[in-house]
Amino acid sequence: MEKPNPTKLSEKKRIYTFPNNNIIVLENVTELIVSESGNHRIKTKSDEEISLHIIPTGWIHLEIKESEWTV
């Protein structure tokens, strides 16, 4: 199985909203991989710390905060 290549990003904030208004907020998003199941694997970076997150499918809204954004 081939390992997917991450999409490089420089997002200030990514906000996932799930049913029942459950919200996950990620700041300083640097990489994204969308798996075949639809899960999002995300890398964030603060001053000296790198964190990895897995966001499950099922979110109903995604908001991205960025100074420049293209569709």
Protein backbone atom coordinates (compact mmCIF):
# COMPACT_ATOMS: atom_id res chain seq x y z
CA MET A 1 0.00 0.00 0.00
CA GLU A 2 1.41 3.36 -1.04
CA LYS A 3 1.79 5.99 1.68
CA PRO A 4 -0.17 9.14 0.77
CA ASN A 5 1.71 12.40 0.34
CA PRO A 6 0.65 15.16 2.72
CA THR A 7 -0.71 18.43 1.38
CA LYS A 8 1.42 21.29 2.69
CA LEU A 9 -0.66 24.05 4.30
CA SER A 10 -0.13 27.24 6.25
CA GLU A 11 -3.54 27.75 7.85
CA LYS A 12 -3.93 29.94 10.91
CA LYS A 13 -6.93 28.02 12.20
CA ARG A 14 -9.10 25.05 11.16
CA ILE A 15 -12.42 24.57 12.96
CA TYR A 16 -14.38 21.31 12.62
CA THR A 17 -18.00 21.26 13.79
CA PHE A 18 -19.65 17.90 14.50
CA PRO A 19 -23.28 17.06 15.26
CA ASN A 20 -24.53 18.33 18.65
CA ASN A 21 -22.27 21.38 18.14
CA ASN A 22 -19.11 19.54 19.22
CA ILE A 23 -16.17 21.62 17.96
CA ILE A 24 -12.48 20.88 17.39
CA VAL A 25 -10.15 23.84 16.80
CA LEU A 26 -6.65 23.37 15.40
CA GLU A 27 -4.18 26.25 15.03
CA ASN A 28 -1.12 26.59 12.80
CA VAL A 29 -1.96 23.69 10.48
CA THR A 30 1.04 22.71 8.33
CA GLU A 31 0.05 19.39 6.70
CA LEU A 32 -3.08 17.41 5.80
CA ILE A 33 -3.65 13.85 4.62
CA VAL A 34 -7.20 12.70 3.82
CA SER A 35 -7.43 8.91 4.19
CA GLU A 36 -9.63 6.62 2.09
CA SER A 37 -12.05 6.45 5.04
CA GLY A 38 -12.35 10.24 5.04
CA ASN A 39 -10.39 10.78 8.26
CA HIS A 40 -8.16 13.85 8.26
CA ARG A 41 -4.60 13.42 9.56
CA ILE A 42 -3.28 16.86 10.44
CA LYS A 43 0.05 18.22 11.60
CA THR A 44 0.19 21.44 13.61
CA LYS A 45 3.23 23.37 14.74
CA SER A 46 3.64 25.86 17.55
CA ASP A 47 6.90 27.49 18.71
CA GLU A 48 8.92 24.31 19.24
CA GLU A 49 6.24 21.64 19.29
CA ILE A 50 4.76 19.54 16.49
CA SER A 51 1.47 17.75 17.11
CA LEU A 52 -0.37 15.15 15.03
CA HIS A 53 -4.17 14.94 15.05
CA ILE A 54 -6.68 12.52 13.55
CA ILE A 55 -10.10 14.02 12.86
CA PRO A 56 -12.74 11.34 12.23
CA THR A 57 -15.34 11.52 9.50
CA GLY A 58 -18.73 12.84 10.49
CA TRP A 59 -18.07 16.56 10.73
CA ILE A 60 -20.82 18.73 9.28
CA HIS A 61 -18.89 21.98 8.81
CA LEU A 62 -15.28 23.00 8.30
CA GLU A 63 -14.11 26.60 8.71
CA ILE A 64 -10.61 27.68 7.72
CA LYS A 65 -9.16 30.98 8.96
CA GLU A 66 -6.42 32.33 6.73
CA SER A 67 -5.27 35.72 5.46
CA GLU A 68 -5.22 34.43 1.85
CA TRP A 69 -7.47 31.64 0.64
CA THR A 70 -8.28 30.18 -2.73
CA VAL A 71 -10.91 27.65 -3.72
